[in-house]
């Protein structure tokens, strides 16, 4: 129950930060941010549509599509975000805060705040909805990595702004996306590149290995260890997972064995099955 409450608080706080970024940075400064906020800026320039209404419609509409295509599990994880984000955004827009900063500062700090919010939501095993759903669908049916699909989707949306705005606005949007992505990576897995290596010492070896094998589709290696103090023999699980999978595994270990001892290190370069070539049949 405690973990569920913390997850809910994390999802709420993450969506609130994302709404702060959109309400006080993206919309006032017309930042081509990618995602549904970036689409709302484009439609505002093309047809004068209300950005907040556009965002509300897209968030709810994409949630419905995701629930139909991706299933019940997705719907349960994303429902809270899809409900509270439009509420937070509408609330903050009605409490205007005029920031006396230049556009570049707005782009950088707006991106960092948005990335912080999305990263917090991801840490609590939830999606923030919106165009992330398109990326999840591409991952499921086309096998495109989620991170790649997100970058492609946001890039297309930002470049589409050339029609309405100009090259400077597009370049500013790219800076926003980069700042947001950097913040997400920092929150999800500090100081990592593409993957992380974990050494796991736990009394729940079978459960942890089964989760890594069946859910994350990653391999494990058991290393023989002996406690220096207790002199007891114990297996150490060595595994390498992608940065997108790290928080899922970390959350599972916390719930399964709160007393597990885990060492996490950067895996700067990974070569082998599941990373540089496909799994063998």
Protein backbone atom coordinates (compact mmCIF):
# COMPACT_ATOMS: atom_id res chain seq x y z
CA UNK A 1 0.00 0.00 0.00
CA UNK A 2 2.87 2.36 0.83
CA UNK A 3 4.44 1.75 -2.60
CA UNK A 4 1.13 2.36 -4.36
CA UNK A 5 0.65 5.64 -2.50
CA UNK A 6 4.18 6.74 -3.41
CA UNK A 7 3.53 5.78 -7.05
CA UNK A 8 0.37 7.89 -7.13
CA UNK A 9 2.17 10.86 -5.55
CA UNK A 10 5.02 10.50 -8.06
CA UNK A 11 2.65 10.35 -11.03
CA UNK A 12 0.73 13.40 -9.78
CA UNK A 13 3.90 15.40 -9.14
CA UNK A 14 5.42 14.41 -12.47
CA UNK A 15 2.33 15.48 -14.40
CA UNK A 16 2.16 18.71 -12.41
CA UNK A 17 5.74 19.60 -13.41
CA UNK A 18 4.95 18.79 -17.04
CA UNK A 19 1.89 21.07 -16.84
CA UNK A 20 4.05 23.84 -15.31
CA UNK A 21 6.45 23.61 -18.25
CA UNK A 22 3.64 23.80 -20.80
CA UNK A 23 1.60 26.50 -19.03
CA UNK A 24 4.44 28.88 -18.15
CA UNK A 25 7.05 28.19 -20.82
CA UNK A 26 5.73 26.37 -23.91
CA UNK A 27 2.45 28.23 -24.45
CA UNK A 28 3.54 31.80 -23.53
CA UNK A 29 6.74 31.57 -25.60
CA UNK A 30 5.23 29.49 -28.46
CA UNK A 31 7.89 26.79 -28.12
CA UNK A 32 7.72 23.99 -30.69
CA UNK A 33 8.26 21.40 -27.99
CA UNK A 34 7.13 18.22 -29.70
CA UNK A 35 4.36 16.12 -28.18
CA UNK A 36 0.79 17.32 -27.86
CA UNK A 37 1.98 20.73 -26.61
CA UNK A 38 4.00 21.21 -29.79
CA UNK A 39 1.00 20.21 -31.91
CA UNK A 40 -1.14 22.76 -30.05
CA UNK A 41 1.36 25.51 -30.88
CA UNK A 42 1.25 24.56 -34.57
CA UNK A 43 -2.56 24.46 -34.72
CA UNK A 44 -2.69 27.78 -32.90
CA UNK A 45 -0.50 29.34 -35.58
CA UNK A 46 -2.37 27.70 -38.46
CA UNK A 47 -5.99 28.04 -37.40
CA UNK A 48 -5.99 29.97 -34.12
CA UNK A 49 -7.24 27.01 -32.08
CA UNK A 50 -7.05 27.23 -28.30
CA UNK A 51 -3.87 25.37 -27.24
CA UNK A 52 -5.35 24.05 -23.97
CA UNK A 53 -8.43 22.65 -25.72
CA UNK A 54 -6.24 21.04 -28.40
CA UNK A 55 -4.07 19.43 -25.71
CA UNK A 56 -7.10 18.16 -23.77
CA UNK A 57 -8.65 16.60 -26.87
CA UNK A 58 -5.37 14.99 -28.00
CA UNK A 59 -4.50 13.59 -24.55
CA UNK A 60 -7.92 12.01 -24.07
CA UNK A 61 -8.19 10.85 -27.70
CA UNK A 62 -4.73 9.22 -27.67
CA UNK A 63 -5.51 7.56 -24.35
CA UNK A 64 -8.60 5.94 -25.89
CA UNK A 65 -6.58 4.77 -28.90
CA UNK A 66 -3.88 3.40 -26.59
CA UNK A 67 -6.41 1.59 -24.41
CA UNK A 68 -7.90 -0.09 -27.50
CA UNK A 69 -4.59 -0.97 -29.18
CA UNK A 70 -2.30 -1.61 -26.20
CA UNK A 71 -4.76 -3.20 -23.83
CA UNK A 72 -5.98 -3.10 -20.25
CA UNK A 73 -2.58 -2.99 -18.55
CA UNK A 74 -1.61 0.14 -20.48
CA UNK A 75 -4.95 1.77 -19.69
CA UNK A 76 -4.57 1.21 -15.96
CA UNK A 77 -1.06 2.67 -15.90
CA UNK A 78 -1.88 5.70 -18.03
CA UNK A 79 -5.42 6.58 -16.90
CA UNK A 80 -4.30 8.73 -13.97
CA UNK A 81 -1.88 10.77 -16.09
CA UNK A 82 -4.44 11.25 -18.87
CA UNK A 83 -6.95 12.59 -16.33
CA UNK A 84 -4.80 14.80 -14.11
CA UNK A 85 -2.54 16.39 -16.73
CA UNK A 86 -5.35 18.28 -18.54
CA UNK A 87 -6.73 19.31 -15.12
CA UNK A 88 -3.36 20.66 -13.94
CA UNK A 89 -2.80 22.46 -17.23
CA UNK A 90 -6.22 24.12 -17.20
CA UNK A 91 -5.72 25.16 -13.58
CA UNK A 92 -2.26 26.67 -14.16
CA UNK A 93 -3.29 28.50 -17.33
CA UNK A 94 -5.94 30.28 -15.26
CA UNK A 95 -3.20 31.38 -12.82
CA UNK A 96 -0.92 33.24 -15.23
CA UNK A 97 2.68 33.87 -14.17
CA UNK A 98 4.56 36.20 -16.50
CA UNK A 99 8.23 35.25 -16.61
CA UNK A 100 10.61 38.10 -17.44
CA UNK A 101 13.15 35.95 -19.25
CA UNK A 102 14.32 35.66 -22.83
CA UNK A 103 13.20 32.91 -25.17
CA UNK A 104 16.40 30.86 -24.87
CA UNK A 105 16.11 30.66 -21.07
CA UNK A 106 12.46 29.67 -21.46
CA UNK A 107 13.40 26.88 -23.85
CA UNK A 108 16.18 25.49 -21.64
CA UNK A 109 14.39 25.64 -18.29
CA UNK A 110 11.04 24.66 -19.77
CA UNK A 111 12.64 21.57 -21.27
CA UNK A 112 14.40 20.67 -18.02
CA UNK A 113 11.20 20.99 -15.99
CA UNK A 114 9.23 18.92 -18.50
CA UNK A 115 11.92 16.24 -18.55
CA UNK A 116 11.99 16.19 -14.76
CA UNK A 117 8.23 15.64 -14.67
CA UNK A 118 8.23 12.92 -17.33
CA UNK A 119 11.21 11.21 -15.69
CA UNK A 120 9.48 11.14 -12.29
CA UNK A 121 6.37 9.59 -13.87
CA UNK A 122 8.54 6.98 -15.64
CA UNK A 123 10.29 6.17 -12.36
CA UNK A 124 6.91 5.22 -10.95
CA UNK A 125 6.23 2.89 -13.89
CA UNK A 126 3.70 5.17 -15.61
CA UNK A 127 3.41 6.86 -18.97
CA UNK A 128 2.46 10.52 -19.22
CA UNK A 129 0.23 9.68 -22.17
CA UNK A 130 0.05 12.03 -25.16
CA UNK A 131 2.28 11.20 -28.12
CA UNK A 132 4.19 8.70 -25.96
CA UNK A 133 1.32 6.38 -26.90
CA UNK A 134 2.25 6.60 -30.59
CA UNK A 135 5.78 5.54 -29.65
CA UNK A 136 4.50 2.60 -27.60
CA UNK A 137 2.33 1.43 -30.52
CA UNK A 138 5.32 1.70 -32.90
CA UNK A 139 7.37 -0.33 -30.43
CA UNK A 140 4.74 -3.05 -30.13
CA UNK A 141 3.90 -3.53 -33.81
CA UNK A 142 7.04 -2.36 -35.62
CA UNK A 143 9.71 -3.20 -33.07
CA UNK A 144 11.00 0.39 -33.00
CA UNK A 145 12.72 1.22 -29.68
CA UNK A 146 10.55 3.56 -27.60
CA UNK A 147 13.32 6.16 -27.20
CA UNK A 148 13.87 6.25 -30.98
CA UNK A 149 10.14 6.49 -31.68
CA UNK A 150 9.80 9.39 -29.21
CA UNK A 151 12.65 11.32 -30.86
CA UNK A 152 11.26 10.71 -34.35
CA UNK A 153 7.73 11.73 -33.33
CA UNK A 154 8.86 14.90 -31.55
CA UNK A 155 11.23 15.71 -34.41
CA UNK A 156 8.47 15.44 -37.02
CA UNK A 157 6.15 17.62 -34.94
CA UNK A 158 8.87 20.24 -34.43
CA UNK A 159 9.90 20.31 -38.10
CA UNK A 160 6.24 20.68 -39.07
CA UNK A 161 6.44 24.07 -37.35
CA UNK A 162 8.51 25.36 -40.28
CA UNK A 163 5.27 25.87 -42.17
CA UNK A 164 3.84 28.22 -39.55
CA UNK A 165 6.88 29.67 -37.84
CA UNK A 166 10.50 29.71 -38.96
CA UNK A 167 13.88 28.03 -38.71
CA UNK A 168 14.79 29.85 -35.49
CA UNK A 169 11.65 28.57 -33.76
CA UNK A 170 12.35 25.03 -34.95
CA UNK A 171 15.93 25.19 -33.66
CA UNK A 172 14.66 26.49 -30.32
CA UNK A 173 12.24 23.58 -30.22
CA UNK A 174 15.11 21.15 -30.81
CA UNK A 175 16.93 22.67 -27.81
CA UNK A 176 13.80 22.16 -25.71
CA UNK A 177 13.56 18.50 -26.76
CA UNK A 178 17.26 17.94 -26.03
CA UNK A 179 17.00 19.54 -22.57
CA UNK A 180 13.91 17.49 -21.80
CA UNK A 181 15.56 14.26 -22.93
CA UNK A 182 18.67 14.97 -20.86
CA UNK A 183 16.55 15.53 -17.74
CA UNK A 184 14.58 12.31 -18.33
CA UNK A 185 17.79 10.28 -18.61
CA UNK A 186 19.23 11.90 -15.49
CA UNK A 187 16.14 11.11 -13.43
CA UNK A 188 15.64 7.57 -14.71
CA UNK A 189 19.22 6.31 -14.55
CA UNK A 190 21.82 8.80 -13.28
CA UNK A 191 25.12 8.89 -15.18
CA UNK A 192 24.35 6.16 -17.64
CA UNK A 193 24.61 5.94 -21.38
CA UNK A 194 22.77 3.18 -23.22
CA UNK A 195 22.63 0.43 -20.61
CA UNK A 196 23.44 -0.41 -17.01
CA UNK A 197 25.04 -3.43 -15.41
CA UNK A 198 23.62 -4.66 -12.10
CA UNK A 199 25.11 -6.97 -9.49
CA UNK A 200 22.23 -8.21 -7.33
CA UNK A 201 22.61 -10.06 -4.03
CA UNK A 202 19.20 -11.23 -2.85
CA UNK A 203 17.44 -14.02 -1.01
CA UNK A 204 14.83 -13.98 -3.80
CA UNK A 205 17.19 -15.16 -6.54
CA UNK A 206 14.63 -17.28 -8.39
CA UNK A 207 11.96 -14.54 -8.47
CA UNK A 208 14.41 -11.85 -9.65
CA UNK A 209 15.91 -14.07 -12.35
CA UNK A 210 12.46 -15.08 -13.57
CA UNK A 211 11.42 -11.41 -13.85
CA UNK A 212 14.57 -10.53 -15.79
CA UNK A 213 14.14 -13.51 -18.13
CA UNK A 214 10.39 -13.46 -18.77
CA UNK A 215 9.42 -9.79 -18.40
CA UNK A 216 12.54 -7.87 -19.46
CA UNK A 217 13.72 -10.57 -21.90
CA UNK A 218 17.30 -10.19 -20.67
CA UNK A 219 19.84 -12.76 -19.60
CA UNK A 220 21.53 -13.33 -16.26
CA UNK A 221 24.80 -14.81 -15.08
CA UNK A 222 25.18 -16.29 -11.61
CA UNK A 223 28.49 -15.54 -9.93
CA UNK A 224 29.58 -17.45 -6.86
CA UNK A 225 30.16 -15.28 -3.83
CA UNK A 226 30.94 -15.70 -0.16
CA UNK A 227 30.15 -13.23 2.60
CA UNK A 228 33.29 -11.86 4.18
CA UNK A 229 31.60 -11.47 7.54
CA UNK A 230 29.03 -14.27 7.53
CA UNK A 231 31.18 -16.67 5.44
CA UNK A 232 27.96 -17.88 3.85
CA UNK A 233 27.91 -18.92 0.19
CA UNK A 234 25.53 -16.93 -2.00
CA UNK A 235 24.95 -16.46 -5.74
CA UNK A 236 25.30 -12.98 -7.21
CA UNK A 237 23.08 -12.12 -10.18
CA UNK A 238 24.84 -10.22 -12.96
CA UNK A 239 22.61 -8.70 -15.64
CA UNK A 240 22.70 -5.88 -18.18
CA UNK A 241 19.51 -4.01 -19.07
CA UNK A 242 18.67 -0.98 -21.17
CA UNK A 243 18.18 2.33 -19.42
CA UNK A 244 14.44 2.16 -20.16
CA UNK A 245 14.23 -1.16 -18.31
CA UNK A 246 16.31 -0.17 -15.30
CA UNK A 247 13.54 1.45 -13.25
CA UNK A 248 11.18 -1.47 -13.87
CA UNK A 249 13.77 -3.88 -12.50
CA UNK A 250 14.65 -1.59 -9.61
CA UNK A 251 11.00 -1.27 -8.60
CA UNK A 252 10.51 -5.04 -8.82
CA UNK A 253 13.54 -5.70 -6.60
CA UNK A 254 12.35 -3.13 -4.05
CA UNK A 255 8.95 -4.81 -3.84
CA UNK A 256 10.24 -8.39 -3.90
CA UNK A 257 13.20 -8.07 -1.53
CA UNK A 258 13.61 -4.69 0.21
CA UNK A 259 16.85 -5.99 1.79
CA UNK A 260 18.53 -6.85 -1.51
CA UNK A 261 22.00 -5.41 -2.09
CA UNK A 262 22.30 -3.95 -5.59
CA UNK A 263 25.30 -2.38 -7.32
CA UNK A 264 24.54 -0.35 -10.45
CA UNK A 265 27.27 0.77 -12.85
CA UNK A 266 27.44 2.38 -16.27
CA UNK A 267 27.74 0.03 -19.21
CA UNK A 268 29.39 2.36 -21.70
CA UNK A 269 29.50 -0.14 -24.55
CA UNK A 270 27.52 -3.36 -24.93
CA UNK A 271 28.23 -5.97 -27.60
CA UNK A 272 26.29 -9.17 -27.80
CA UNK A 273 22.95 -10.89 -28.00
CA UNK A 274 19.97 -8.61 -27.42
CA UNK A 275 22.01 -5.42 -27.85
CA UNK A 276 24.14 -5.42 -31.02
CA UNK A 277 22.36 -8.34 -32.67
CA UNK A 278 19.03 -10.11 -32.32
CA UNK A 279 18.43 -13.05 -30.03
CA UNK A 280 19.23 -16.45 -31.48
CA UNK A 281 16.29 -18.81 -31.96
